[in-house]
Amino acid sequence: MKYIKNINHESVETLSSLVNIQSGQVVSRTLAQNEYVSLTVFAFDKGEEFGTHKSEGDAMVTVLEGKGKFTVDGKEYILNAGETLVMPAGKPHSVYGEEAFKMFLTVVFPVEK
C-alpha cells in the first residue's frame, strides 16, 4: 500500500515539477490525504486566489517558485521561493498569486477524537 501517491517512489523528484502554471487557474496535485495530514502541491497563475477560509489543522506553506501573498487573520505576508509560513488552525486565511507561483502545502489535523 502506498501512503504517498501521485509521485514516483524511490526516485529523486522536484516538487515544483509536479504541477504546471495554467492561465487563469489554480492547479493542484494531492500527495497524501487522510484524517491526520494533507500534502498538496499547488500552482497559481498571477491574480488567482483561494478566498478566505479556515482549517481545522495547522497549515504550513512553502513557496517553491515565484511569489505569493498569504493573509492570516487580517495580516499580509509576502513569501518568495524557499520561504515558509505556518497558518494556525482556526484562523481565517487566504492565498493570492502576486505573480505566478507554486507552493507545497502541509496540513496537520488534530488527533483528538
N, C-alpha and C. Protein backbone atom coordinates (compact mmCIF):
# COMPACT_ATOMS: atom_id res chain seq x y z
N MET A 1 0.84 -1.19 0.00
CA MET A 1 0.00 0.00 0.00
C MET A 1 0.89 1.25 0.00
N LYS A 2 0.53 2.21 -0.85
CA LYS A 2 1.25 3.48 -0.89
C LYS A 2 0.48 4.52 -0.11
N TYR A 3 1.14 5.16 0.84
CA TYR A 3 0.51 6.22 1.63
C TYR A 3 0.70 7.56 0.94
N ILE A 4 1.80 7.68 0.20
CA ILE A 4 2.05 8.88 -0.59
C ILE A 4 1.85 8.49 -2.04
N LYS A 5 0.98 9.25 -2.74
CA LYS A 5 0.61 8.92 -4.12
C LYS A 5 0.95 10.07 -5.06
N ASN A 6 0.77 9.84 -6.35
CA ASN A 6 0.94 10.86 -7.38
C ASN A 6 2.35 11.43 -7.46
N ILE A 7 3.31 10.64 -7.02
CA ILE A 7 4.73 10.98 -7.12
C ILE A 7 5.49 9.66 -7.18
N ASN A 8 6.56 9.63 -7.94
CA ASN A 8 7.34 8.40 -8.04
C ASN A 8 8.00 8.07 -6.71
N HIS A 9 7.96 6.81 -6.34
CA HIS A 9 8.65 6.34 -5.14
C HIS A 9 10.07 5.92 -5.52
N GLU A 10 10.97 6.07 -4.57
CA GLU A 10 12.39 5.72 -4.75
C GLU A 10 12.98 6.39 -5.98
N SER A 11 12.64 7.66 -6.13
CA SER A 11 13.12 8.46 -7.25
C SER A 11 13.30 9.90 -6.76
N VAL A 12 14.38 10.53 -7.13
CA VAL A 12 14.59 11.93 -6.75
C VAL A 12 13.67 12.79 -7.60
N GLU A 13 12.86 13.61 -6.95
CA GLU A 13 11.87 14.44 -7.64
C GLU A 13 12.02 15.90 -7.21
N THR A 14 11.53 16.80 -8.04
CA THR A 14 11.43 18.21 -7.73
C THR A 14 9.94 18.51 -7.56
N LEU A 15 9.53 18.92 -6.36
CA LEU A 15 8.11 19.15 -6.11
C LEU A 15 7.49 20.12 -7.11
N SER A 16 8.23 21.16 -7.47
CA SER A 16 7.66 22.16 -8.38
C SER A 16 7.36 21.59 -9.77
N SER A 17 8.00 20.47 -10.12
CA SER A 17 7.75 19.89 -11.45
C SER A 17 6.46 19.06 -11.48
N LEU A 18 5.82 18.87 -10.34
CA LEU A 18 4.61 18.05 -10.27
C LEU A 18 3.35 18.78 -10.72
N VAL A 19 3.41 20.11 -10.79
CA VAL A 19 2.28 20.92 -11.24
C VAL A 19 2.79 22.00 -12.19
N ASN A 20 1.94 22.39 -13.13
CA ASN A 20 2.30 23.43 -14.09
C ASN A 20 1.37 24.63 -13.93
N ILE A 21 1.94 25.82 -14.09
CA ILE A 21 1.14 27.04 -14.11
C ILE A 21 0.23 26.97 -15.34
N GLN A 22 -1.06 27.22 -15.14
CA GLN A 22 -2.00 27.25 -16.25
C GLN A 22 -2.76 28.57 -16.19
N SER A 23 -2.91 29.20 -17.32
CA SER A 23 -3.54 30.51 -17.42
C SER A 23 -4.92 30.52 -16.75
N GLY A 24 -5.10 31.47 -15.82
CA GLY A 24 -6.39 31.68 -15.17
C GLY A 24 -6.82 30.58 -14.22
N GLN A 25 -5.87 29.76 -13.76
CA GLN A 25 -6.26 28.62 -12.94
C GLN A 25 -5.37 28.45 -11.70
N VAL A 26 -5.92 27.67 -10.77
CA VAL A 26 -5.15 27.12 -9.66
C VAL A 26 -5.13 25.62 -9.92
N VAL A 27 -3.95 25.04 -9.98
CA VAL A 27 -3.78 23.61 -10.25
C VAL A 27 -3.21 22.96 -9.01
N SER A 28 -3.68 21.75 -8.70
CA SER A 28 -3.15 21.06 -7.52
C SER A 28 -2.91 19.60 -7.79
N ARG A 29 -2.00 19.01 -7.02
CA ARG A 29 -1.76 17.57 -7.03
C ARG A 29 -1.64 17.13 -5.58
N THR A 30 -2.55 16.28 -5.15
CA THR A 30 -2.55 15.77 -3.79
C THR A 30 -1.60 14.59 -3.69
N LEU A 31 -0.71 14.64 -2.71
CA LEU A 31 0.25 13.56 -2.50
C LEU A 31 -0.18 12.64 -1.37
N ALA A 32 -0.92 13.18 -0.40
CA ALA A 32 -1.45 12.36 0.71
C ALA A 32 -2.63 13.11 1.31
N GLN A 33 -3.64 12.34 1.72
CA GLN A 33 -4.83 12.94 2.34
C GLN A 33 -5.46 11.90 3.24
N ASN A 34 -5.50 12.20 4.54
CA ASN A 34 -6.21 11.33 5.48
C ASN A 34 -6.66 12.19 6.66
N GLU A 35 -7.15 11.56 7.71
CA GLU A 35 -7.69 12.33 8.83
C GLU A 35 -6.61 13.03 9.65
N TYR A 36 -5.33 12.73 9.40
CA TYR A 36 -4.24 13.30 10.19
C TYR A 36 -3.40 14.33 9.43
N VAL A 37 -3.27 14.14 8.11
CA VAL A 37 -2.37 15.01 7.35
C VAL A 37 -2.85 15.13 5.89
N SER A 38 -2.51 16.27 5.30
CA SER A 38 -2.76 16.50 3.88
C SER A 38 -1.49 17.12 3.29
N LEU A 39 -1.03 16.56 2.17
CA LEU A 39 0.15 17.07 1.46
C LEU A 39 -0.26 17.37 0.03
N THR A 40 -0.13 18.64 -0.40
CA THR A 40 -0.58 19.03 -1.73
C THR A 40 0.39 20.04 -2.33
N VAL A 41 0.66 19.89 -3.62
CA VAL A 41 1.46 20.85 -4.37
C VAL A 41 0.48 21.67 -5.23
N PHE A 42 0.64 22.99 -5.22
CA PHE A 42 -0.24 23.90 -5.95
C PHE A 42 0.54 24.77 -6.92
N ALA A 43 -0.12 25.15 -8.02
CA ALA A 43 0.40 26.16 -8.95
C ALA A 43 -0.71 27.20 -9.13
N PHE A 44 -0.40 28.46 -8.85
CA PHE A 44 -1.34 29.57 -9.00
C PHE A 44 -0.88 30.46 -10.15
N ASP A 45 -1.78 30.79 -11.04
CA ASP A 45 -1.46 31.80 -12.03
C ASP A 45 -1.50 33.17 -11.34
N LYS A 46 -0.83 34.15 -11.91
CA LYS A 46 -0.86 35.50 -11.35
C LYS A 46 -2.31 35.97 -11.24
N GLY A 47 -2.68 36.48 -10.07
CA GLY A 47 -4.01 37.01 -9.85
C GLY A 47 -5.04 35.99 -9.39
N GLU A 48 -4.69 34.72 -9.42
CA GLU A 48 -5.61 33.68 -8.94
C GLU A 48 -5.52 33.59 -7.43
N GLU A 49 -6.60 33.11 -6.80
CA GLU A 49 -6.61 33.08 -5.34
C GLU A 49 -7.52 32.01 -4.77
N PHE A 50 -7.26 31.69 -3.51
CA PHE A 50 -8.19 30.95 -2.65
C PHE A 50 -8.72 32.00 -1.71
N GLY A 51 -10.03 32.19 -1.69
CA GLY A 51 -10.63 33.18 -0.79
C GLY A 51 -10.46 32.77 0.66
N THR A 52 -10.87 33.65 1.54
CA THR A 52 -10.72 33.44 2.98
C THR A 52 -11.48 32.20 3.44
N HIS A 53 -10.78 31.38 4.19
CA HIS A 53 -11.34 30.15 4.73
C HIS A 53 -10.58 29.78 6.00
N LYS A 54 -11.02 28.76 6.70
CA LYS A 54 -10.34 28.27 7.91
C LYS A 54 -10.04 26.79 7.74
N SER A 55 -9.07 26.32 8.50
CA SER A 55 -8.72 24.90 8.51
C SER A 55 -8.77 24.39 9.94
N GLU A 56 -9.18 23.14 10.10
CA GLU A 56 -9.18 22.52 11.43
C GLU A 56 -7.76 22.18 11.89
N GLY A 57 -6.81 22.16 10.95
CA GLY A 57 -5.43 21.83 11.30
C GLY A 57 -4.50 22.99 11.02
N ASP A 58 -3.28 22.89 11.54
CA ASP A 58 -2.24 23.86 11.21
C ASP A 58 -1.84 23.65 9.76
N ALA A 59 -1.76 24.74 8.99
CA ALA A 59 -1.39 24.68 7.58
C ALA A 59 -0.03 25.35 7.39
N MET A 60 0.93 24.59 6.86
CA MET A 60 2.27 25.12 6.60
C MET A 60 2.50 25.17 5.10
N VAL A 61 2.82 26.35 4.58
CA VAL A 61 3.09 26.51 3.16
C VAL A 61 4.56 26.84 2.95
N THR A 62 5.12 26.29 1.89
CA THR A 62 6.46 26.63 1.44
C THR A 62 6.35 27.00 -0.03
N VAL A 63 6.78 28.21 -0.37
CA VAL A 63 6.74 28.65 -1.76
C VAL A 63 7.93 28.00 -2.48
N LEU A 64 7.62 27.33 -3.60
CA LEU A 64 8.64 26.63 -4.37
C LEU A 64 9.21 27.48 -5.50
N GLU A 65 8.34 28.29 -6.12
CA GLU A 65 8.73 29.20 -7.22
C GLU A 65 7.83 30.42 -7.15
N GLY A 66 8.35 31.57 -7.57
CA GLY A 66 7.53 32.77 -7.67
C GLY A 66 7.27 33.45 -6.35
N LYS A 67 6.12 34.15 -6.28
CA LYS A 67 5.79 34.96 -5.10
C LYS A 67 4.30 34.89 -4.84
N GLY A 68 3.95 34.58 -3.58
CA GLY A 68 2.55 34.52 -3.18
C GLY A 68 2.26 35.41 -2.00
N LYS A 69 1.00 35.85 -1.91
CA LYS A 69 0.56 36.65 -0.76
C LYS A 69 -0.39 35.79 0.07
N PHE A 70 -0.09 35.72 1.35
CA PHE A 70 -0.88 34.94 2.29
C PHE A 70 -1.41 35.90 3.35
N THR A 71 -2.70 35.90 3.57
CA THR A 71 -3.30 36.76 4.58
C THR A 71 -3.83 35.86 5.68
N VAL A 72 -3.33 36.07 6.90
CA VAL A 72 -3.71 35.25 8.04
C VAL A 72 -4.29 36.17 9.11
N ASP A 73 -5.57 35.97 9.41
CA ASP A 73 -6.24 36.75 10.44
C ASP A 73 -6.06 38.26 10.20
N GLY A 74 -6.11 38.67 8.90
CA GLY A 74 -6.01 40.07 8.54
C GLY A 74 -4.61 40.59 8.30
N LYS A 75 -3.57 39.81 8.61
CA LYS A 75 -2.19 40.25 8.41
C LYS A 75 -1.63 39.63 7.14
N GLU A 76 -1.03 40.47 6.27
CA GLU A 76 -0.49 40.00 5.00
C GLU A 76 0.98 39.62 5.10
N TYR A 77 1.32 38.53 4.42
CA TYR A 77 2.69 38.03 4.32
C TYR A 77 3.00 37.78 2.86
N ILE A 78 4.12 38.30 2.37
CA ILE A 78 4.57 38.02 1.01
C ILE A 78 5.71 37.01 1.13
N LEU A 79 5.52 35.86 0.48
CA LEU A 79 6.53 34.81 0.52
C LEU A 79 7.13 34.61 -0.86
N ASN A 80 8.45 34.46 -0.88
CA ASN A 80 9.20 34.17 -2.09
C ASN A 80 9.68 32.73 -2.05
N ALA A 81 10.22 32.26 -3.16
CA ALA A 81 10.71 30.88 -3.25
C ALA A 81 11.63 30.56 -2.07
N GLY A 82 11.37 29.42 -1.44
CA GLY A 82 12.18 28.96 -0.32
C GLY A 82 11.67 29.40 1.04
N GLU A 83 10.67 30.27 1.09
CA GLU A 83 10.15 30.76 2.37
C GLU A 83 8.91 29.98 2.79
N THR A 84 8.75 29.85 4.10
CA THR A 84 7.69 29.05 4.70
C THR A 84 6.91 29.86 5.71
N LEU A 85 5.60 29.58 5.81
CA LEU A 85 4.72 30.24 6.77
C LEU A 85 3.77 29.20 7.34
N VAL A 86 3.56 29.24 8.66
CA VAL A 86 2.56 28.39 9.29
C VAL A 86 1.33 29.23 9.59
N MET A 87 0.19 28.75 9.13
CA MET A 87 -1.09 29.41 9.36
C MET A 87 -1.83 28.57 10.39
N PRO A 88 -1.99 29.08 11.62
CA PRO A 88 -2.55 28.28 12.71
C PRO A 88 -3.99 27.82 12.46
N ALA A 89 -4.29 26.67 12.99
CA ALA A 89 -5.64 26.11 12.90
C ALA A 89 -6.67 27.12 13.41
N GLY A 90 -7.79 27.18 12.72
CA GLY A 90 -8.89 28.02 13.16
C GLY A 90 -8.81 29.48 12.77
N LYS A 91 -7.65 29.94 12.30
CA LYS A 91 -7.52 31.35 11.90
C LYS A 91 -7.89 31.50 10.43
N PRO A 92 -8.69 32.52 10.10
CA PRO A 92 -9.04 32.72 8.70
C PRO A 92 -7.80 33.10 7.89
N HIS A 93 -7.70 32.53 6.69
CA HIS A 93 -6.55 32.83 5.84
C HIS A 93 -6.95 32.73 4.37
N SER A 94 -6.16 33.38 3.52
CA SER A 94 -6.38 33.33 2.08
C SER A 94 -5.02 33.31 1.37
N VAL A 95 -5.06 32.95 0.08
CA VAL A 95 -3.84 32.85 -0.73
C VAL A 95 -4.08 33.58 -2.04
N TYR A 96 -3.09 34.36 -2.48
CA TYR A 96 -3.23 35.15 -3.71
C TYR A 96 -1.92 35.10 -4.50
N GLY A 97 -2.01 34.94 -5.80
CA GLY A 97 -0.83 34.94 -6.66
C GLY A 97 -0.36 36.34 -6.99
N GLU A 98 0.59 36.85 -6.22
CA GLU A 98 1.21 38.15 -6.53
C GLU A 98 1.83 38.09 -7.92
N GLU A 99 2.37 36.94 -8.23
CA GLU A 99 2.83 36.58 -9.57
C GLU A 99 2.56 35.08 -9.65
N ALA A 100 2.74 34.51 -10.81
CA ALA A 100 2.55 33.06 -10.92
C ALA A 100 3.50 32.39 -9.91
N PHE A 101 2.97 31.45 -9.15
CA PHE A 101 3.82 30.80 -8.16
C PHE A 101 3.36 29.38 -7.86
N LYS A 102 4.28 28.62 -7.26
CA LYS A 102 3.99 27.25 -6.85
C LYS A 102 4.29 27.12 -5.36
N MET A 103 3.50 26.28 -4.69
CA MET A 103 3.71 26.10 -3.25
C MET A 103 3.43 24.66 -2.86
N PHE A 104 4.01 24.26 -1.75
CA PHE A 104 3.76 22.96 -1.15
C PHE A 104 3.02 23.22 0.16
N LEU A 105 1.87 22.57 0.31
CA LEU A 105 1.03 22.77 1.50
C LEU A 105 0.99 21.48 2.32
N THR A 106 1.29 21.61 3.60
CA THR A 106 1.15 20.52 4.56
C THR A 106 0.13 20.96 5.60
N VAL A 107 -0.91 20.18 5.79
CA VAL A 107 -1.88 20.46 6.85
C VAL A 107 -1.85 19.29 7.82
N VAL A 108 -1.64 19.60 9.09
CA VAL A 108 -1.63 18.58 10.14
C VAL A 108 -2.90 18.80 10.99
N PHE A 109 -3.74 17.77 11.02
CA PHE A 109 -5.02 17.86 11.69
C PHE A 109 -4.92 17.37 13.14
N PRO A 110 -5.82 17.85 14.01
CA PRO A 110 -5.78 17.41 15.41
C PRO A 110 -6.09 15.91 15.51
N VAL A 111 -5.44 15.26 16.47
CA VAL A 111 -5.61 13.83 16.66
C VAL A 111 -6.77 13.54 17.60
N GLU A 112 -7.22 14.56 18.32
CA GLU A 112 -8.30 14.37 19.31
C GLU A 112 -9.51 13.72 18.68
N LYS A 113 -10.06 12.77 19.36
CA LYS A 113 -11.26 12.07 18.86
C LYS A 113 -12.45 12.40 19.72
